[in-house]
Amino acid sequence: QPLGTGHAIMCAKPSLSGPAVIAYADTLIRAEF
């Protein structure tokens, strides 16, 4: 169900441990830091 960003993240609950980056897949970047 399209219930928002927080809900989408929690759909991946088994993987939510340790260091992680969360990224929404409708943008592109160039970065160096």
Full PDB file with SEQRES, HELIX, SHEET, SSBOND, CRYST1, ORIGX, SCALE, CONECT and MASTER records, all heavy atoms in Angstrom:
SEQRES   1 A   33  GLN PRO LEU GLY THR GLY HIS ALA ILE MET CYS ALA LYS          
SEQRES   2 A   33  PRO SER LEU SER GLY PRO ALA VAL ILE ALA TYR ALA ASP          
SEQRES   3 A   33  THR LEU ILE ARG ALA GLU PHE                                  
HELIX    1 AA1 THR A    5  MET A   10  1                                   6    
HELIX    2 AA2 LYS A   13  SER A   15  5                                   3    
CRYST1    1.000    1.000    1.000  90.00  90.00  90.00 P 1           1          
ORIGX1      1.000000  0.000000  0.000000        0.00000                         
ORIGX2      0.000000  1.000000  0.000000        0.00000                         
ORIGX3      0.000000  0.000000  1.000000        0.00000                         
SCALE1      1.000000  0.000000  0.000000        0.00000                         
SCALE2      0.000000  1.000000  0.000000        0.00000                         
SCALE3      0.000000  0.000000  1.000000        0.00000                         
ATOM      1  N   GLN A   1       0.845  -1.184   0.000  1.00  0.00           N  
ATOM      2  CA  GLN A   1       0.000   0.000   0.000  1.00  0.00           C  
ATOM      3  C   GLN A   1       0.888   1.245   0.000  1.00  0.00           C  
ATOM      4  O   GLN A   1       1.914   1.247   0.685  1.00  0.00           O  
ATOM      5  CB  GLN A   1      -0.904   0.038   1.233  1.00  0.00           C  
ATOM      6  CG  GLN A   1      -1.860  -1.120   1.367  1.00  0.00           C  
ATOM      7  CD  GLN A   1      -2.707  -0.992   2.624  1.00  0.00           C  
ATOM      8  OE1 GLN A   1      -3.570  -0.123   2.727  1.00  0.00           O  
ATOM      9  NE2 GLN A   1      -2.453  -1.860   3.582  1.00  0.00           N  
ATOM     10  N   PRO A   2       0.507   2.309  -0.714  1.00  0.00           N  
ATOM     11  CA  PRO A   2       1.329   3.524  -0.744  1.00  0.00           C  
ATOM     12  C   PRO A   2       1.090   4.377   0.501  1.00  0.00           C  
ATOM     13  O   PRO A   2       0.397   5.387   0.472  1.00  0.00           O  
ATOM     14  CB  PRO A   2       0.835   4.224  -2.017  1.00  0.00           C  
ATOM     15  CG  PRO A   2      -0.604   3.803  -2.138  1.00  0.00           C  
ATOM     16  CD  PRO A   2      -0.662   2.393  -1.616  1.00  0.00           C  
ATOM     17  N   LEU A   3       1.703   3.971   1.605  1.00  0.00           N  
ATOM     18  CA  LEU A   3       1.447   4.608   2.896  1.00  0.00           C  
ATOM     19  C   LEU A   3       2.614   5.459   3.375  1.00  0.00           C  
ATOM     20  O   LEU A   3       2.744   5.707   4.579  1.00  0.00           O  
ATOM     21  CB  LEU A   3       1.094   3.542   3.948  1.00  0.00           C  
ATOM     22  CG  LEU A   3      -0.243   2.829   3.718  1.00  0.00           C  
ATOM     23  CD1 LEU A   3      -0.469   1.739   4.771  1.00  0.00           C  
ATOM     24  CD2 LEU A   3      -1.397   3.824   3.747  1.00  0.00           C  
ATOM     25  N   GLY A   4       3.465   5.914   2.465  1.00  0.00           N  
ATOM     26  CA  GLY A   4       4.465   6.888   2.835  1.00  0.00           C  
ATOM     27  C   GLY A   4       5.870   6.354   3.002  1.00  0.00           C  
ATOM     28  O   GLY A   4       6.121   5.144   2.963  1.00  0.00           O  
ATOM     29  N   THR A   5       6.791   7.301   3.184  1.00  0.00           N  
ATOM     30  CA  THR A   5       8.216   6.970   3.253  1.00  0.00           C  
ATOM     31  C   THR A   5       8.558   6.111   4.463  1.00  0.00           C  
ATOM     32  O   THR A   5       9.335   5.156   4.359  1.00  0.00           O  
ATOM     33  CB  THR A   5       9.046   8.258   3.283  1.00  0.00           C  
ATOM     34  OG1 THR A   5       8.618   9.075   4.391  1.00  0.00           O  
ATOM     35  CG2 THR A   5       8.860   9.048   1.999  1.00  0.00           C  
ATOM     36  N   GLY A   6       7.996   6.457   5.616  1.00  0.00           N  
ATOM     37  CA  GLY A   6       8.275   5.674   6.818  1.00  0.00           C  
ATOM     38  C   GLY A   6       7.767   4.257   6.701  1.00  0.00           C  
ATOM     39  O   GLY A   6       8.448   3.295   7.089  1.00  0.00           O  
ATOM     40  N   HIS A   7       6.585   4.108   6.135  1.00  0.00           N  
ATOM     41  CA  HIS A   7       6.007   2.779   5.938  1.00  0.00           C  
ATOM     42  C   HIS A   7       6.848   1.966   4.957  1.00  0.00           C  
ATOM     43  O   HIS A   7       7.090   0.765   5.169  1.00  0.00           O  
ATOM     44  CB  HIS A   7       4.576   2.922   5.423  1.00  0.00           C  
ATOM     45  CG  HIS A   7       3.886   1.622   5.155  1.00  0.00           C  
ATOM     46  ND1 HIS A   7       3.872   1.029   3.908  1.00  0.00           N  
ATOM     47  CD2 HIS A   7       3.197   0.790   5.973  1.00  0.00           C  
ATOM     48  CE1 HIS A   7       3.184  -0.099   3.971  1.00  0.00           C  
ATOM     49  NE2 HIS A   7       2.770  -0.270   5.210  1.00  0.00           N  
ATOM     50  N   ALA A   8       7.309   2.607   3.871  1.00  0.00           N  
ATOM     51  CA  ALA A   8       8.128   1.899   2.888  1.00  0.00           C  
ATOM     52  C   ALA A   8       9.410   1.368   3.519  1.00  0.00           C  
ATOM     53  O   ALA A   8       9.811   0.226   3.273  1.00  0.00           O  
ATOM     54  CB  ALA A   8       8.458   2.830   1.721  1.00  0.00           C  
ATOM     55  N   ILE A   9      10.051   2.197   4.331  1.00  0.00           N  
ATOM     56  CA  ILE A   9      11.283   1.760   4.996  1.00  0.00           C  
ATOM     57  C   ILE A   9      11.020   0.564   5.894  1.00  0.00           C  
ATOM     58  O   ILE A   9      11.783  -0.411   5.916  1.00  0.00           O  
ATOM     59  CB  ILE A   9      11.893   2.925   5.794  1.00  0.00           C  
ATOM     60  CG1 ILE A   9      12.379   4.016   4.841  1.00  0.00           C  
ATOM     61  CG2 ILE A   9      13.046   2.445   6.680  1.00  0.00           C  
ATOM     62  CD1 ILE A   9      12.634   5.344   5.516  1.00  0.00           C  
ATOM     63  N   MET A  10       9.906   0.609   6.630  1.00  0.00           N  
ATOM     64  CA  MET A  10       9.593  -0.478   7.555  1.00  0.00           C  
ATOM     65  C   MET A  10       9.217  -1.770   6.842  1.00  0.00           C  
ATOM     66  O   MET A  10       9.237  -2.844   7.452  1.00  0.00           O  
ATOM     67  CB  MET A  10       8.490  -0.035   8.502  1.00  0.00           C  
ATOM     68  CG  MET A  10       8.934   1.027   9.495  1.00  0.00           C  
ATOM     69  SD  MET A  10      10.289   0.464  10.561  1.00  0.00           S  
ATOM     70  CE  MET A  10       9.376  -0.623  11.680  1.00  0.00           C  
ATOM     71  N   CYS A  11       8.897  -1.697   5.570  1.00  0.00           N  
ATOM     72  CA  CYS A  11       8.672  -2.920   4.798  1.00  0.00           C  
ATOM     73  C   CYS A  11       9.967  -3.728   4.660  1.00  0.00           C  
ATOM     74  O   CYS A  11       9.928  -4.923   4.377  1.00  0.00           O  
ATOM     75  CB  CYS A  11       8.107  -2.586   3.423  1.00  0.00           C  
ATOM     76  SG  CYS A  11       6.407  -1.959   3.454  1.00  0.00           S  
ATOM     77  N   ALA A  12      11.097  -3.067   4.848  1.00  0.00           N  
ATOM     78  CA  ALA A  12      12.407  -3.737   4.795  1.00  0.00           C  
ATOM     79  C   ALA A  12      12.933  -4.010   6.194  1.00  0.00           C  
ATOM     80  O   ALA A  12      14.152  -4.048   6.419  1.00  0.00           O  
ATOM     81  CB  ALA A  12      13.399  -2.883   4.016  1.00  0.00           C  
ATOM     82  N   LYS A  13      12.036  -4.197   7.161  1.00  0.00           N  
ATOM     83  CA  LYS A  13      12.406  -4.319   8.572  1.00  0.00           C  
ATOM     84  C   LYS A  13      13.527  -5.338   8.839  1.00  0.00           C  
ATOM     85  O   LYS A  13      14.441  -5.056   9.612  1.00  0.00           O  
ATOM     86  CB  LYS A  13      11.169  -4.677   9.406  1.00  0.00           C  
ATOM     87  CG  LYS A  13      11.396  -4.635  10.902  1.00  0.00           C  
ATOM     88  CD  LYS A  13      10.174  -5.087  11.689  1.00  0.00           C  
ATOM     89  CE  LYS A  13       9.001  -4.156  11.486  1.00  0.00           C  
ATOM     90  NZ  LYS A  13       7.848  -4.530  12.354  1.00  0.00           N  
ATOM     91  N   PRO A  14      13.529  -6.530   8.214  1.00  0.00           N  
ATOM     92  CA  PRO A  14      14.608  -7.482   8.501  1.00  0.00           C  
ATOM     93  C   PRO A  14      16.008  -6.974   8.153  1.00  0.00           C  
ATOM     94  O   PRO A  14      17.005  -7.474   8.678  1.00  0.00           O  
ATOM     95  CB  PRO A  14      14.234  -8.698   7.645  1.00  0.00           C  
ATOM     96  CG  PRO A  14      12.757  -8.600   7.470  1.00  0.00           C  
ATOM     97  CD  PRO A  14      12.489  -7.131   7.347  1.00  0.00           C  
ATOM     98  N   SER A  15      16.084  -5.984   7.258  1.00  0.00           N  
ATOM     99  CA  SER A  15      17.396  -5.456   6.847  1.00  0.00           C  
ATOM    100  C   SER A  15      17.804  -4.213   7.624  1.00  0.00           C  
ATOM    101  O   SER A  15      18.897  -3.676   7.395  1.00  0.00           O  
ATOM    102  CB  SER A  15      17.380  -5.130   5.347  1.00  0.00           C  
ATOM    103  OG  SER A  15      17.190  -6.288   4.568  1.00  0.00           O  
ATOM    104  N   LEU A  16      16.960  -3.738   8.550  1.00  0.00           N  
ATOM    105  CA  LEU A  16      17.216  -2.471   9.239  1.00  0.00           C  
ATOM    106  C   LEU A  16      18.044  -2.681  10.496  1.00  0.00           C  
ATOM    107  O   LEU A  16      17.556  -2.631  11.631  1.00  0.00           O  
ATOM    108  CB  LEU A  16      15.892  -1.773   9.573  1.00  0.00           C  
ATOM    109  CG  LEU A  16      15.013  -1.421   8.371  1.00  0.00           C  
ATOM    110  CD1 LEU A  16      13.736  -0.720   8.826  1.00  0.00           C  
ATOM    111  CD2 LEU A  16      15.773  -0.543   7.374  1.00  0.00           C  
ATOM    112  N   SER A  17      19.332  -2.908  10.280  1.00  0.00           N  
ATOM    113  CA  SER A  17      20.279  -3.023  11.391  1.00  0.00           C  
ATOM    114  C   SER A  17      21.656  -2.605  10.904  1.00  0.00           C  
ATOM    115  O   SER A  17      21.987  -2.755   9.730  1.00  0.00           O  
ATOM    116  CB  SER A  17      20.325  -4.458  11.923  1.00  0.00           C  
ATOM    117  OG  SER A  17      20.780  -5.349  10.916  1.00  0.00           O  
ATOM    118  N   GLY A  18      22.448  -2.050  11.821  1.00  0.00           N  
ATOM    119  CA  GLY A  18      23.793  -1.635  11.487  1.00  0.00           C  
ATOM    120  C   GLY A  18      23.822  -0.366  10.646  1.00  0.00           C  
ATOM    121  O   GLY A  18      22.804   0.289  10.437  1.00  0.00           O  
ATOM    122  N   PRO A  19      25.000  -0.003  10.151  1.00  0.00           N  
ATOM    123  CA  PRO A  19      25.123   1.216   9.344  1.00  0.00           C  
ATOM    124  C   PRO A  19      24.425   1.060   8.002  1.00  0.00           C  
ATOM    125  O   PRO A  19      24.531   0.014   7.351  1.00  0.00           O  
ATOM    126  CB  PRO A  19      26.636   1.384   9.178  1.00  0.00           C  
ATOM    127  CG  PRO A  19      27.203   0.026   9.397  1.00  0.00           C  
ATOM    128  CD  PRO A  19      26.306  -0.673  10.366  1.00  0.00           C  
ATOM    129  N   ALA A  20      23.688   2.107   7.603  1.00  0.00           N  
ATOM    130  CA  ALA A  20      22.918   2.008   6.365  1.00  0.00           C  
ATOM    131  C   ALA A  20      22.665   3.385   5.793  1.00  0.00           C  
ATOM    132  O   ALA A  20      22.565   4.376   6.513  1.00  0.00           O  
ATOM    133  CB  ALA A  20      21.587   1.291   6.607  1.00  0.00           C  
ATOM    134  N   VAL A  21      22.540   3.420   4.464  1.00  0.00           N  
ATOM    135  CA  VAL A  21      22.080   4.603   3.741  1.00  0.00           C  
ATOM    136  C   VAL A  21      20.692   4.301   3.199  1.00  0.00           C  
ATOM    137  O   VAL A  21      20.457   3.234   2.625  1.00  0.00           O  
ATOM    138  CB  VAL A  21      23.040   4.974   2.596  1.00  0.00           C  
ATOM    139  CG1 VAL A  21      22.402   5.991   1.655  1.00  0.00           C  
ATOM    140  CG2 VAL A  21      24.338   5.534   3.154  1.00  0.00           C  
ATOM    141  N   ILE A  22      19.765   5.235   3.399  1.00  0.00           N  
ATOM    142  CA  ILE A  22      18.435   5.144   2.818  1.00  0.00           C  
ATOM    143  C   ILE A  22      18.344   6.183   1.711  1.00  0.00           C  
ATOM    144  O   ILE A  22      18.671   7.350   1.921  1.00  0.00           O  
ATOM    145  CB  ILE A  22      17.349   5.400   3.876  1.00  0.00           C  
ATOM    146  CG1 ILE A  22      17.383   4.291   4.938  1.00  0.00           C  
ATOM    147  CG2 ILE A  22      15.970   5.470   3.235  1.00  0.00           C  
ATOM    148  CD1 ILE A  22      16.449   4.531   6.108  1.00  0.00           C  
ATOM    149  N   ALA A  23      17.923   5.753   0.525  1.00  0.00           N  
ATOM    150  CA  ALA A  23      17.889   6.662  -0.631  1.00  0.00           C  
ATOM    151  C   ALA A  23      16.645   6.416  -1.459  1.00  0.00           C  
ATOM    152  O   ALA A  23      16.334   5.275  -1.803  1.00  0.00           O  
ATOM    153  CB  ALA A  23      19.134   6.464  -1.494  1.00  0.00           C  
ATOM    154  N   TYR A  24      15.952   7.498  -1.792  1.00  0.00           N  
ATOM    155  CA  TYR A  24      14.770   7.403  -2.654  1.00  0.00           C  
ATOM    156  C   TYR A  24      15.191   7.485  -4.113  1.00  0.00           C  
ATOM    157  O   TYR A  24      15.990   8.343  -4.500  1.00  0.00           O  
ATOM    158  CB  TYR A  24      13.762   8.480  -2.275  1.00  0.00           C  
ATOM    159  CG  TYR A  24      13.283   8.293  -0.862  1.00  0.00           C  
ATOM    160  CD1 TYR A  24      13.747   9.102   0.165  1.00  0.00           C  
ATOM    161  CD2 TYR A  24      12.430   7.238  -0.540  1.00  0.00           C  
ATOM    162  CE1 TYR A  24      13.343   8.887   1.480  1.00  0.00           C  
ATOM    163  CE2 TYR A  24      12.030   7.015   0.765  1.00  0.00           C  
ATOM    164  CZ  TYR A  24      12.483   7.838   1.771  1.00  0.00           C  
ATOM    165  OH  TYR A  24      12.101   7.613   3.067  1.00  0.00           O  
ATOM    166  N   ALA A  25      14.588   6.607  -4.923  1.00  0.00           N  
ATOM    167  CA  ALA A  25      15.149   6.308  -6.241  1.00  0.00           C  
ATOM    168  C   ALA A  25      14.594   7.171  -7.358  1.00  0.00           C  
ATOM    169  O   ALA A  25      14.371   6.696  -8.462  1.00  0.00           O  
ATOM    170  CB  ALA A  25      14.915   4.834  -6.560  1.00  0.00           C  
ATOM    171  N   ASP A  26      14.372   8.462  -7.103  1.00  0.00           N  
ATOM    172  CA  ASP A  26      13.925   9.341  -8.197  1.00  0.00           C  
ATOM    173  C   ASP A  26      14.840  10.548  -8.339  1.00  0.00           C  
ATOM    174  O   ASP A  26      14.436  11.595  -8.827  1.00  0.00           O  
ATOM    175  CB  ASP A  26      12.489   9.800  -7.977  1.00  0.00           C  
ATOM    176  CG  ASP A  26      12.299  10.552  -6.667  1.00  0.00           C  
ATOM    177  OD1 ASP A  26      13.263  10.643  -5.881  1.00  0.00           O  
ATOM    178  OD2 ASP A  26      11.182  11.050  -6.433  1.00  0.00           O  
ATOM    179  N   THR A  27      16.080  10.389  -7.906  1.00  0.00           N  
ATOM    180  CA  THR A  27      17.014  11.504  -7.944  1.00  0.00           C  
ATOM    181  C   THR A  27      18.405  10.981  -8.273  1.00  0.00           C  
ATOM    182  O   THR A  27      18.699   9.802  -8.068  1.00  0.00           O  
ATOM    183  CB  THR A  27      17.021  12.237  -6.580  1.00  0.00           C  
ATOM    184  OG1 THR A  27      17.753  13.444  -6.680  1.00  0.00           O  
ATOM    185  CG2 THR A  27      17.642  11.382  -5.498  1.00  0.00           C  
ATOM    186  N   LEU A  28      19.253  11.838  -8.814  1.00  0.00           N  
ATOM    187  CA  LEU A  28      20.638  11.498  -9.096  1.00  0.00           C  
ATOM    188  C   LEU A  28      21.538  12.534  -8.453  1.00  0.00           C  
ATOM    189  O   LEU A  28      21.138  13.684  -8.254  1.00  0.00           O  
ATOM    190  CB  LEU A  28      20.892  11.432 -10.604  1.00  0.00           C  
ATOM    191  CG  LEU A  28      20.191  10.295 -11.344  1.00  0.00           C  
ATOM    192  CD1 LEU A  28      20.362  10.454 -12.852  1.00  0.00           C  
ATOM    193  CD2 LEU A  28      20.714   8.943 -10.904  1.00  0.00           C  
ATOM    194  N   ILE A  29      22.756  12.126  -8.132  1.00  0.00           N  
ATOM    195  CA  ILE A  29      23.676  13.012  -7.417  1.00  0.00           C  
ATOM    196  C   ILE A  29      25.060  12.943  -8.021  1.00  0.00           C  
ATOM    197  O   ILE A  29      25.414  12.019  -8.741  1.00  0.00           O  
ATOM    198  CB  ILE A  29      23.778  12.645  -5.917  1.00  0.00           C  
ATOM    199  CG1 ILE A  29      24.310  11.206  -5.771  1.00  0.00           C  
ATOM    200  CG2 ILE A  29      22.443  12.820  -5.217  1.00  0.00           C  
ATOM    201  CD1 ILE A  29      24.817  10.864  -4.397  1.00  0.00           C  
ATOM    202  N   ARG A  30      25.845  13.947  -7.698  1.00  0.00           N  
ATOM    203  CA  ARG A  30      27.305  13.933  -7.855  1.00  0.00           C  
ATOM    204  C   ARG A  30      27.837  14.486  -6.545  1.00  0.00           C  
ATOM    205  O   ARG A  30      27.458  15.583  -6.126  1.00  0.00           O  
ATOM    206  CB  ARG A  30      27.755  14.797  -9.026  1.00  0.00           C  
ATOM    207  CG  ARG A  30      27.140  14.418 -10.342  1.00  0.00           C  
ATOM    208  CD  ARG A  30      27.725  13.156 -10.922  1.00  0.00           C  
ATOM    209  NE  ARG A  30      29.032  13.374 -11.517  1.00  0.00           N  
ATOM    210  CZ  ARG A  30      29.720  12.443 -12.169  1.00  0.00           C  
ATOM    211  NH1 ARG A  30      29.228  11.233 -12.297  1.00  0.00           N  
ATOM    212  NH2 ARG A  30      30.889  12.715 -12.687  1.00  0.00           N  
ATOM    213  N   ALA A  31      28.689  13.737  -5.881  1.00  0.00           N  
ATOM    214  CA  ALA A  31      29.136  14.154  -4.554  1.00  0.00           C  
ATOM    215  C   ALA A  31      30.512  13.586  -4.257  1.00  0.00           C  
ATOM    216  O   ALA A  31      30.916  12.558  -4.803  1.00  0.00           O  
ATOM    217  CB  ALA A  31      28.145  13.692  -3.486  1.00  0.00           C  
ATOM    218  N   GLU A  32      31.211  14.265  -3.366  1.00  0.00           N  
ATOM    219  CA  GLU A  32      32.523  13.831  -2.900  1.00  0.00           C  
ATOM    220  C   GLU A  32      32.706  14.368  -1.490  1.00  0.00           C  
ATOM    221  O   GLU A  32      33.057  15.527  -1.291  1.00  0.00           O  
ATOM    222  CB  GLU A  32      33.631  14.354  -3.816  1.00  0.00           C  
ATOM    223  CG  GLU A  32      35.023  13.812  -3.485  1.00  0.00           C  
ATOM    224  CD  GLU A  32      35.185  12.336  -3.793  1.00  0.00           C  
ATOM    225  OE1 GLU A  32      34.542  11.872  -4.751  1.00  0.00           O  
ATOM    226  OE2 GLU A  32      35.955  11.656  -3.087  1.00  0.00           O  
ATOM    227  N   PHE A  33      32.386  13.551  -0.505  1.00  0.00           N  
ATOM    228  CA  PHE A  33      32.600  13.956   0.886  1.00  0.00           C  
ATOM    229  C   PHE A  33      32.755  12.714   1.748  1.00  0.00           C  
ATOM    230  O   PHE A  33      32.397  11.605   1.347  1.00  0.00           O  
ATOM    231  CB  PHE A  33      31.449  14.837   1.409  1.00  0.00           C  
ATOM    232  CG  PHE A  33      30.099  14.175   1.424  1.00  0.00           C  
ATOM    233  CD1 PHE A  33      29.725  13.313   2.445  1.00  0.00           C  
ATOM    234  CD2 PHE A  33      29.184  14.422   0.416  1.00  0.00           C  
ATOM    235  CE1 PHE A  33      28.482  12.705   2.460  1.00  0.00           C  
ATOM    236  CE2 PHE A  33      27.932  13.825   0.424  1.00  0.00           C  
ATOM    237  CZ  PHE A  33      27.584  12.957   1.449  1.00  0.00           C  
TER     238      PHE A  33                                                      
MASTER        0    0    0    2    0    0    0    6  237    1    0    3          
END                                                                             
